[in-house]
C-alpha cells in the first residue's frame, strides 16, 4: 500500500483561556481559522564538564533540572479582540481575572498566568475535534501579543512562557 502524498492541514479550531478562579475558573473561548501552533517544551540542562588541575577532562556532573522554560506561540484569524486581555489575565468583559499561579507553584505574584487549551478540528465542518493541547501556567508578556485588523480578517499572534505543564490528547 502506498503512502498518501496528500498533506492534511488541520488549521481551524478553538482556543480556550482559563483563569485561576476557584472553584470554577472563568473561561474565554476564541474560535479561529487558519491557525498555527508551536510548543517548545522545557529543556533539560546539559551535563557540566569538570576538569582536573591539569585541564584534562575529569568527569561530568548533573546540571540543573531545567536549563530553560518552555514556550508556546500561536497565530490565527479570529473575530474577538478581548482575547488579548484574557491572555494577560486582565479585565475581560468588566470582570477581573485571577492568575493560575499560586503560592504553591513558586511563581511570583506579578507574573499573571493563565491556562490554555488549544483544540484543532479534525474535519472541515468542525463536527469532530482533533488534537488537544493543554498548557498550564502560561505567562504572556504584553509586548508578545500582537493584534492586527485586516480586510479579510483580524489576526492575533502571541508567545508565552510555560511555567506549568504540557499535556496532549489524541483525537476526541
N, C-alpha and C. Protein backbone atom coordinates (compact mmCIF):
# COMPACT_ATOMS: atom_id res chain seq x y z
N UNK A 1 0.84 -1.18 0.00
CA UNK A 1 0.00 0.00 0.00
C UNK A 1 0.89 1.24 0.00
N UNK A 2 0.59 2.16 -0.86
CA UNK A 2 1.39 3.37 -0.98
C UNK A 2 1.02 4.38 0.11
N UNK A 3 1.99 5.16 0.48
CA UNK A 3 1.76 6.22 1.46
C UNK A 3 1.10 7.39 0.75
N UNK A 4 0.11 7.98 1.40
CA UNK A 4 -0.60 9.11 0.79
C UNK A 4 0.34 10.30 0.63
N UNK A 5 0.25 10.93 -0.51
CA UNK A 5 1.07 12.12 -0.74
C UNK A 5 0.27 13.40 -0.51
N UNK A 6 -0.97 13.27 -0.03
CA UNK A 6 -1.81 14.43 0.23
C UNK A 6 -1.54 14.91 1.65
N UNK A 7 -1.18 16.17 1.77
CA UNK A 7 -0.95 16.75 3.08
C UNK A 7 -2.29 17.21 3.64
N UNK A 8 -2.56 16.80 4.88
CA UNK A 8 -3.81 17.19 5.52
C UNK A 8 -3.50 18.23 6.58
N UNK A 9 -3.92 19.45 6.36
CA UNK A 9 -3.69 20.53 7.32
C UNK A 9 -4.93 20.71 8.18
N UNK A 10 -4.73 20.63 9.48
CA UNK A 10 -5.80 20.90 10.44
C UNK A 10 -5.50 22.28 11.01
N UNK A 11 -6.16 23.30 10.50
CA UNK A 11 -5.79 24.66 10.87
C UNK A 11 -6.90 25.44 11.55
N UNK A 12 -8.09 24.87 11.67
CA UNK A 12 -9.19 25.56 12.34
C UNK A 12 -9.40 24.92 13.70
N UNK A 13 -9.85 25.72 14.66
CA UNK A 13 -10.05 25.16 15.98
C UNK A 13 -10.59 26.18 16.97
N UNK A 14 -10.33 25.90 18.23
CA UNK A 14 -10.81 26.75 19.31
C UNK A 14 -9.71 26.87 20.38
N UNK A 15 -9.51 28.09 20.85
CA UNK A 15 -8.57 28.36 21.94
C UNK A 15 -9.41 28.73 23.15
N UNK A 16 -9.22 28.00 24.25
CA UNK A 16 -9.92 28.29 25.49
C UNK A 16 -8.90 28.78 26.50
N UNK A 17 -9.15 29.96 27.05
CA UNK A 17 -8.25 30.57 28.03
C UNK A 17 -8.96 30.52 29.38
N UNK A 18 -8.27 30.04 30.42
CA UNK A 18 -8.88 29.89 31.74
C UNK A 18 -8.06 30.63 32.79
N UNK A 19 -8.76 31.23 33.75
CA UNK A 19 -8.06 31.90 34.84
C UNK A 19 -8.02 30.97 36.06
N UNK A 20 -7.57 31.49 37.20
CA UNK A 20 -7.40 30.67 38.39
C UNK A 20 -8.49 30.81 39.43
N UNK A 21 -9.66 31.34 39.03
CA UNK A 21 -10.76 31.49 39.99
C UNK A 21 -11.19 30.13 40.50
N UNK A 22 -11.36 30.01 41.81
CA UNK A 22 -11.75 28.75 42.43
C UNK A 22 -13.16 28.90 42.99
N UNK A 23 -14.01 27.91 42.90
CA UNK A 23 -13.81 26.56 42.39
C UNK A 23 -14.02 26.44 40.88
N UNK A 24 -14.66 27.44 40.25
CA UNK A 24 -14.92 27.36 38.81
C UNK A 24 -14.17 28.48 38.10
N UNK A 25 -13.27 28.11 37.23
CA UNK A 25 -12.44 29.09 36.51
C UNK A 25 -13.29 29.87 35.51
N UNK A 26 -12.94 31.15 35.34
CA UNK A 26 -13.53 31.94 34.26
C UNK A 26 -12.88 31.47 32.96
N UNK A 27 -13.66 31.43 31.89
CA UNK A 27 -13.11 30.99 30.61
C UNK A 27 -13.45 32.01 29.53
N UNK A 28 -12.59 32.05 28.53
CA UNK A 28 -12.80 32.88 27.35
C UNK A 28 -12.47 32.00 26.16
N UNK A 29 -13.40 31.87 25.24
CA UNK A 29 -13.23 30.97 24.10
C UNK A 29 -13.09 31.77 22.81
N UNK A 30 -12.12 31.40 22.02
CA UNK A 30 -11.88 32.04 20.73
C UNK A 30 -11.93 30.97 19.65
N UNK A 31 -12.94 31.05 18.78
CA UNK A 31 -12.96 30.17 17.61
C UNK A 31 -12.09 30.82 16.55
N UNK A 32 -11.25 30.02 15.92
CA UNK A 32 -10.30 30.60 14.96
C UNK A 32 -10.22 29.78 13.70
N UNK A 33 -9.62 30.39 12.68
CA UNK A 33 -9.34 29.68 11.43
C UNK A 33 -7.91 30.00 11.02
N UNK A 34 -7.38 29.14 10.19
CA UNK A 34 -6.02 29.28 9.67
C UNK A 34 -5.01 29.56 10.77
N UNK A 35 -5.02 28.70 11.77
CA UNK A 35 -4.11 28.87 12.90
C UNK A 35 -2.86 28.02 12.79
N UNK A 36 -1.88 28.39 13.58
CA UNK A 36 -0.69 27.56 13.73
C UNK A 36 -0.28 27.57 15.19
N UNK A 37 0.39 26.53 15.60
CA UNK A 37 0.78 26.34 16.99
C UNK A 37 2.20 25.82 17.04
N UNK A 38 2.98 26.35 17.98
CA UNK A 38 4.35 25.88 18.18
C UNK A 38 4.58 25.76 19.68
N UNK A 39 4.95 24.57 20.13
CA UNK A 39 5.24 24.33 21.54
C UNK A 39 6.68 23.87 21.64
N UNK A 40 7.47 24.56 22.46
CA UNK A 40 8.84 24.16 22.74
C UNK A 40 8.86 23.77 24.22
N UNK A 41 8.96 22.47 24.52
CA UNK A 41 8.89 22.05 25.92
C UNK A 41 10.12 22.49 26.72
N UNK A 42 9.99 22.36 28.04
CA UNK A 42 11.13 22.66 28.92
C UNK A 42 12.33 21.84 28.45
N UNK A 43 13.50 22.44 28.51
CA UNK A 43 14.68 21.68 28.09
C UNK A 43 15.52 21.33 29.32
N UNK A 44 16.00 20.12 29.31
CA UNK A 44 16.87 19.68 30.39
C UNK A 44 18.27 20.24 30.15
N UNK A 45 18.96 20.47 31.23
CA UNK A 45 20.29 21.06 31.08
C UNK A 45 21.29 20.01 30.63
N UNK A 46 22.37 20.49 30.10
CA UNK A 46 23.45 19.62 29.67
C UNK A 46 24.31 19.24 30.87
N UNK A 47 25.00 18.12 30.77
CA UNK A 47 25.95 17.77 31.84
C UNK A 47 27.05 18.83 31.92
N UNK A 48 27.57 19.05 33.10
CA UNK A 48 28.62 20.03 33.31
C UNK A 48 29.96 19.31 33.37
N UNK A 49 30.89 19.72 32.52
CA UNK A 49 32.21 19.11 32.45
C UNK A 49 33.07 19.63 33.60
N UNK A 50 33.69 18.71 34.34
CA UNK A 50 34.62 19.06 35.41
C UNK A 50 36.01 18.63 34.95
N UNK A 51 36.96 19.55 35.06
CA UNK A 51 38.34 19.26 34.65
C UNK A 51 39.23 19.15 35.87
N UNK A 52 40.30 18.39 35.74
CA UNK A 52 41.26 18.28 36.84
C UNK A 52 42.23 19.47 36.82
N UNK A 53 43.21 19.49 37.72
CA UNK A 53 44.15 20.62 37.84
C UNK A 53 44.96 20.86 36.57
N UNK A 54 45.17 19.85 35.77
CA UNK A 54 45.94 19.99 34.54
C UNK A 54 45.06 20.37 33.35
N UNK A 55 43.78 20.49 33.55
CA UNK A 55 42.87 20.86 32.48
C UNK A 55 42.30 19.68 31.71
N UNK A 56 42.66 18.49 32.10
CA UNK A 56 42.13 17.30 31.42
C UNK A 56 40.71 17.02 31.91
N UNK A 57 39.94 16.37 31.07
CA UNK A 57 38.57 16.01 31.43
C UNK A 57 38.60 15.03 32.59
N UNK A 58 37.94 15.39 33.68
CA UNK A 58 37.90 14.53 34.86
C UNK A 58 36.60 13.73 34.91
N UNK A 59 35.51 14.44 34.93
CA UNK A 59 34.20 13.78 34.96
C UNK A 59 33.12 14.81 34.65
N UNK A 60 31.88 14.33 34.60
CA UNK A 60 30.73 15.20 34.38
C UNK A 60 29.86 15.18 35.62
N UNK A 61 29.21 16.31 35.89
CA UNK A 61 28.22 16.32 36.95
C UNK A 61 26.89 16.75 36.35
N UNK A 62 25.82 16.38 37.03
CA UNK A 62 24.49 16.69 36.54
C UNK A 62 24.24 18.20 36.64
N UNK A 63 23.63 18.75 35.59
CA UNK A 63 23.28 20.17 35.58
C UNK A 63 21.97 20.41 36.32
N UNK A 64 21.46 21.64 36.26
CA UNK A 64 20.18 21.96 36.87
C UNK A 64 19.08 21.15 36.21
N UNK A 65 17.95 21.04 36.92
CA UNK A 65 16.85 20.24 36.39
C UNK A 65 16.37 20.78 35.05
N UNK A 66 16.19 22.09 34.96
CA UNK A 66 15.76 22.70 33.71
C UNK A 66 16.76 23.77 33.30
N UNK A 67 17.17 23.73 32.06
CA UNK A 67 18.05 24.77 31.55
C UNK A 67 17.22 25.98 31.12
N UNK A 68 16.05 25.71 30.58
CA UNK A 68 15.18 26.81 30.13
C UNK A 68 13.72 26.38 30.21
N UNK A 69 12.87 27.35 30.49
CA UNK A 69 11.43 27.09 30.49
C UNK A 69 10.97 26.91 29.05
N UNK A 70 9.83 26.29 28.89
CA UNK A 70 9.28 26.09 27.55
C UNK A 70 8.55 27.32 27.06
N UNK A 71 8.24 27.34 25.79
CA UNK A 71 7.46 28.44 25.21
C UNK A 71 6.33 27.87 24.36
N UNK A 72 5.29 28.66 24.23
CA UNK A 72 4.20 28.34 23.32
C UNK A 72 3.94 29.58 22.48
N UNK A 73 3.73 29.38 21.20
CA UNK A 73 3.38 30.50 20.33
C UNK A 73 2.30 30.04 19.36
N UNK A 74 1.45 30.96 19.00
CA UNK A 74 0.39 30.66 18.05
C UNK A 74 -0.02 31.92 17.33
N UNK A 75 -0.65 31.75 16.19
CA UNK A 75 -1.26 32.86 15.47
C UNK A 75 -2.46 32.30 14.72
N UNK A 76 -3.47 33.15 14.53
CA UNK A 76 -4.66 32.71 13.82
C UNK A 76 -5.54 33.90 13.46
N UNK A 77 -6.51 33.62 12.58
CA UNK A 77 -7.52 34.60 12.22
C UNK A 77 -8.70 34.39 13.17
N UNK A 78 -9.28 35.51 13.66
CA UNK A 78 -10.38 35.40 14.61
C UNK A 78 -11.19 36.69 14.61
N UNK A 79 -12.17 36.77 15.50
CA UNK A 79 -13.07 37.93 15.49
C UNK A 79 -13.08 38.74 16.78
N UNK A 80 -12.65 38.22 17.93
CA UNK A 80 -12.83 38.91 19.20
C UNK A 80 -11.52 39.44 19.77
N UNK A 81 -11.45 40.74 19.88
CA UNK A 81 -10.23 41.40 20.34
C UNK A 81 -9.98 41.24 21.84
N UNK A 82 -10.99 40.85 22.62
CA UNK A 82 -10.84 40.67 24.07
C UNK A 82 -9.90 39.53 24.44
N UNK A 83 -9.50 38.73 23.47
CA UNK A 83 -8.59 37.61 23.75
C UNK A 83 -7.28 38.10 24.36
N UNK A 84 -6.82 39.27 23.96
CA UNK A 84 -5.56 39.80 24.50
C UNK A 84 -5.67 40.00 26.00
N UNK A 85 -6.75 40.60 26.47
CA UNK A 85 -6.92 40.81 27.91
C UNK A 85 -7.02 39.48 28.66
N UNK A 86 -7.64 38.48 28.05
CA UNK A 86 -7.72 37.17 28.68
C UNK A 86 -6.34 36.54 28.80
N UNK A 87 -5.53 36.64 27.74
CA UNK A 87 -4.18 36.07 27.79
C UNK A 87 -3.31 36.77 28.83
N UNK A 88 -3.57 38.05 29.07
CA UNK A 88 -2.79 38.80 30.05
C UNK A 88 -3.35 38.66 31.47
N UNK A 89 -4.43 37.88 31.63
CA UNK A 89 -5.08 37.70 32.92
C UNK A 89 -5.50 39.07 33.46
N UNK A 90 -6.09 39.86 32.60
CA UNK A 90 -6.50 41.22 32.94
C UNK A 90 -7.98 41.29 33.24
N UNK A 91 -8.63 42.32 32.72
CA UNK A 91 -10.07 42.51 32.91
C UNK A 91 -10.77 42.17 31.59
N UNK A 92 -11.65 41.17 31.64
CA UNK A 92 -12.36 40.71 30.45
C UNK A 92 -13.84 40.91 30.69
N UNK A 93 -14.50 41.61 29.78
CA UNK A 93 -15.94 41.90 29.91
C UNK A 93 -16.26 42.47 31.28
N UNK A 94 -15.47 43.45 31.73
CA UNK A 94 -15.63 44.15 33.01
C UNK A 94 -15.44 43.27 34.24
N UNK A 95 -14.82 42.11 34.07
CA UNK A 95 -14.57 41.21 35.19
C UNK A 95 -13.07 40.96 35.30
N UNK A 96 -12.52 41.21 36.49
CA UNK A 96 -11.08 40.97 36.72
C UNK A 96 -10.82 39.48 36.82
N UNK A 97 -9.75 39.05 36.18
CA UNK A 97 -9.37 37.65 36.22
C UNK A 97 -8.33 37.41 37.30
N UNK A 98 -8.24 36.15 37.74
CA UNK A 98 -7.31 35.72 38.78
C UNK A 98 -6.24 34.85 38.16
N UNK A 99 -5.00 35.06 38.54
CA UNK A 99 -3.89 34.28 38.00
C UNK A 99 -4.01 32.81 38.40
N UNK A 100 -3.53 31.92 37.53
CA UNK A 100 -3.50 30.49 37.86
C UNK A 100 -2.29 30.14 38.72
N UNK A 101 -1.34 31.07 38.84
CA UNK A 101 -0.17 30.84 39.70
C UNK A 101 -0.61 30.96 41.16
N UNK A 102 -0.18 30.01 41.97
CA UNK A 102 -0.49 30.04 43.40
C UNK A 102 0.80 30.09 44.19
N UNK A 103 0.68 30.30 45.49
CA UNK A 103 1.88 30.33 46.32
C UNK A 103 2.58 28.97 46.32
N UNK A 104 1.82 27.90 46.06
CA UNK A 104 2.42 26.56 45.99
C UNK A 104 3.27 26.35 44.75
N UNK A 105 3.02 27.14 43.70
CA UNK A 105 3.75 26.94 42.44
C UNK A 105 5.06 27.71 42.38
N UNK A 106 5.37 28.51 43.42
CA UNK A 106 6.62 29.28 43.50
C UNK A 106 6.79 30.25 42.33
N UNK A 107 5.68 30.74 41.80
CA UNK A 107 5.72 31.74 40.74
C UNK A 107 5.38 33.08 41.38
N UNK A 108 6.23 34.09 41.25
CA UNK A 108 5.94 35.39 41.86
C UNK A 108 4.58 35.95 41.40
N UNK A 109 3.89 36.63 42.30
CA UNK A 109 2.53 37.10 42.03
C UNK A 109 2.45 38.12 40.90
N UNK A 110 3.57 38.79 40.57
CA UNK A 110 3.49 39.76 39.47
C UNK A 110 3.48 39.10 38.10
N UNK A 111 3.70 37.78 38.03
CA UNK A 111 3.54 37.05 36.76
C UNK A 111 2.13 36.48 36.75
N UNK A 112 1.22 37.14 36.04
CA UNK A 112 -0.17 36.70 35.95
C UNK A 112 -0.25 35.63 34.87
N UNK A 113 -0.55 34.42 35.29
CA UNK A 113 -0.57 33.29 34.35
C UNK A 113 -2.00 32.82 34.09
N UNK A 114 -2.17 32.17 32.95
CA UNK A 114 -3.45 31.56 32.58
C UNK A 114 -3.18 30.14 32.09
N UNK A 115 -4.23 29.33 32.06
CA UNK A 115 -4.16 28.01 31.45
C UNK A 115 -4.80 28.12 30.07
N UNK A 116 -4.24 27.44 29.09
CA UNK A 116 -4.83 27.48 27.76
C UNK A 116 -5.05 26.06 27.23
N UNK A 117 -6.11 25.91 26.46
CA UNK A 117 -6.39 24.68 25.72
C UNK A 117 -6.48 25.06 24.25
N UNK A 118 -5.68 24.42 23.44
CA UNK A 118 -5.66 24.68 22.00
C UNK A 118 -6.17 23.41 21.34
N UNK A 119 -7.40 23.47 20.82
CA UNK A 119 -8.02 22.30 20.22
C UNK A 119 -8.16 22.52 18.72
N UNK A 120 -7.72 21.53 17.95
CA UNK A 120 -7.75 21.62 16.49
C UNK A 120 -8.86 20.72 15.97
N UNK A 121 -9.67 21.24 15.03
CA UNK A 121 -10.74 20.43 14.44
C UNK A 121 -10.15 19.39 13.51
N UNK A 122 -10.74 18.20 13.55
CA UNK A 122 -10.24 17.09 12.73
C UNK A 122 -10.82 17.11 11.32
N UNK A 123 -11.96 17.79 11.13
CA UNK A 123 -12.54 17.83 9.79
C UNK A 123 -13.02 19.24 9.48
N UNK A 124 -13.33 19.44 8.24
CA UNK A 124 -13.62 20.78 7.74
C UNK A 124 -14.90 21.38 8.32
N UNK A 125 -15.89 20.56 8.68
CA UNK A 125 -17.14 21.13 9.18
C UNK A 125 -17.15 21.30 10.70
N UNK A 126 -16.03 21.07 11.36
CA UNK A 126 -15.84 21.31 12.79
C UNK A 126 -16.75 20.45 13.67
N UNK A 127 -17.25 19.33 13.14
CA UNK A 127 -18.09 18.48 13.97
C UNK A 127 -17.25 17.52 14.82
N UNK A 128 -16.04 17.26 14.42
CA UNK A 128 -15.16 16.38 15.17
C UNK A 128 -13.92 17.15 15.59
N UNK A 129 -13.65 17.13 16.89
CA UNK A 129 -12.45 17.81 17.38
C UNK A 129 -11.28 16.85 17.31
N UNK A 130 -10.12 17.37 16.95
CA UNK A 130 -8.93 16.54 16.81
C UNK A 130 -8.01 16.69 17.99
N UNK A 131 -6.76 16.98 17.70
CA UNK A 131 -5.75 17.08 18.74
C UNK A 131 -6.08 18.19 19.73
N UNK A 132 -5.70 17.96 21.00
CA UNK A 132 -5.93 18.95 22.04
C UNK A 132 -4.67 19.09 22.86
N UNK A 133 -4.22 20.32 23.05
CA UNK A 133 -3.04 20.62 23.85
C UNK A 133 -3.48 21.48 25.02
N UNK A 134 -3.18 21.04 26.24
CA UNK A 134 -3.49 21.80 27.44
C UNK A 134 -2.17 22.24 28.06
N UNK A 135 -2.04 23.53 28.27
CA UNK A 135 -0.80 24.08 28.80
C UNK A 135 -1.15 24.93 30.02
N UNK A 136 -0.56 24.61 31.16
CA UNK A 136 -0.91 25.31 32.39
C UNK A 136 0.14 26.36 32.75
N UNK A 137 -0.34 27.36 33.47
CA UNK A 137 0.51 28.43 33.99
C UNK A 137 1.40 29.06 32.90
N UNK A 138 0.74 29.69 31.94
CA UNK A 138 1.44 30.35 30.84
C UNK A 138 1.43 31.85 31.10
N UNK A 139 2.61 32.47 31.04
CA UNK A 139 2.73 33.91 31.22
C UNK A 139 3.00 34.55 29.86
N UNK A 140 2.17 35.54 29.52
CA UNK A 140 2.32 36.27 28.27
C UNK A 140 2.80 37.68 28.58
N UNK A 141 3.95 38.05 28.03
CA UNK A 141 4.44 39.42 28.13
C UNK A 141 3.54 40.27 27.23
N UNK A 142 3.05 41.42 27.71
CA UNK A 142 2.16 42.24 26.87
C UNK A 142 2.75 42.57 25.50
N UNK A 143 4.05 42.72 25.40
CA UNK A 143 4.68 43.03 24.12
C UNK A 143 4.73 41.86 23.16
N UNK A 144 4.43 40.65 23.65
CA UNK A 144 4.50 39.48 22.78
C UNK A 144 3.13 39.09 22.21
N UNK A 145 2.11 39.90 22.48
CA UNK A 145 0.78 39.65 21.93
C UNK A 145 0.49 40.74 20.91
N UNK A 146 0.26 40.32 19.68
CA UNK A 146 0.06 41.30 18.61
C UNK A 146 -1.29 41.07 17.95
N UNK A 147 -2.03 42.16 17.82
CA UNK A 147 -3.34 42.14 17.20
C UNK A 147 -3.27 42.98 15.93
N UNK A 148 -3.86 42.48 14.86
CA UNK A 148 -3.88 43.25 13.61
C UNK A 148 -5.25 43.12 12.96
N UNK A 149 -5.78 44.26 12.54
CA UNK A 149 -7.03 44.26 11.79
C UNK A 149 -6.70 44.17 10.31
N UNK A 150 -7.52 43.44 9.58
CA UNK A 150 -7.27 43.30 8.16
C UNK A 150 -8.56 43.35 7.36
N UNK A 151 -8.44 43.48 6.07
CA UNK A 151 -9.61 43.50 5.20
C UNK A 151 -10.36 42.18 5.26
N UNK A 152 -9.61 41.10 5.24
CA UNK A 152 -10.23 39.78 5.22
C UNK A 152 -10.59 39.29 6.62
N UNK A 153 -9.67 39.48 7.60
CA UNK A 153 -9.91 39.00 8.96
C UNK A 153 -8.94 39.68 9.91
N UNK A 154 -9.27 39.64 11.19
CA UNK A 154 -8.36 40.11 12.22
C UNK A 154 -7.43 38.95 12.57
N UNK A 155 -6.21 39.26 12.96
CA UNK A 155 -5.27 38.21 13.35
C UNK A 155 -4.71 38.50 14.73
N UNK A 156 -4.40 37.44 15.44
CA UNK A 156 -3.77 37.52 16.75
C UNK A 156 -2.57 36.59 16.74
N UNK A 157 -1.45 37.08 17.22
CA UNK A 157 -0.28 36.21 17.41
C UNK A 157 0.24 36.48 18.80
N UNK A 158 0.71 35.42 19.44
CA UNK A 158 1.17 35.54 20.83
C UNK A 158 2.25 34.52 21.11
N UNK A 159 3.13 34.87 22.05
CA UNK A 159 4.13 33.92 22.53
C UNK A 159 4.17 34.02 24.04
N UNK A 160 4.12 32.86 24.70
CA UNK A 160 4.10 32.83 26.16
C UNK A 160 5.16 31.90 26.72
N UNK A 161 5.49 32.13 27.97
CA UNK A 161 6.46 31.32 28.70
C UNK A 161 5.70 30.28 29.52
N UNK A 162 6.02 29.01 29.33
CA UNK A 162 5.32 27.93 30.02
C UNK A 162 5.97 27.72 31.39
N UNK A 163 5.23 28.01 32.45
CA UNK A 163 5.72 27.82 33.81
C UNK A 163 5.08 26.60 34.46
N UNK A 164 4.20 25.94 33.73
CA UNK A 164 3.49 24.76 34.24
C UNK A 164 3.77 23.54 33.39
N UNK A 165 2.71 22.80 33.10
CA UNK A 165 2.82 21.52 32.39
C UNK A 165 2.17 21.57 31.02
N UNK A 166 2.54 20.60 30.19
CA UNK A 166 2.00 20.45 28.84
C UNK A 166 1.43 19.04 28.74
N UNK A 167 0.16 18.94 28.29
CA UNK A 167 -0.41 17.61 28.03
C UNK A 167 -1.02 17.61 26.64
N UNK A 168 -0.95 16.46 26.00
CA UNK A 168 -1.53 16.27 24.67
C UNK A 168 -2.59 15.20 24.77
N UNK A 169 -3.67 15.38 24.04
CA UNK A 169 -4.71 14.36 23.97
C UNK A 169 -4.93 14.00 22.51
N UNK A 170 -5.23 12.75 22.27
CA UNK A 170 -5.48 12.27 20.91
C UNK A 170 -6.84 12.79 20.44
N UNK A 171 -7.17 12.48 19.21
CA UNK A 171 -8.46 12.89 18.65
C UNK A 171 -9.59 12.50 19.59
N UNK A 172 -10.58 13.42 19.70
CA UNK A 172 -11.71 13.14 20.58
C UNK A 172 -13.02 13.18 19.82
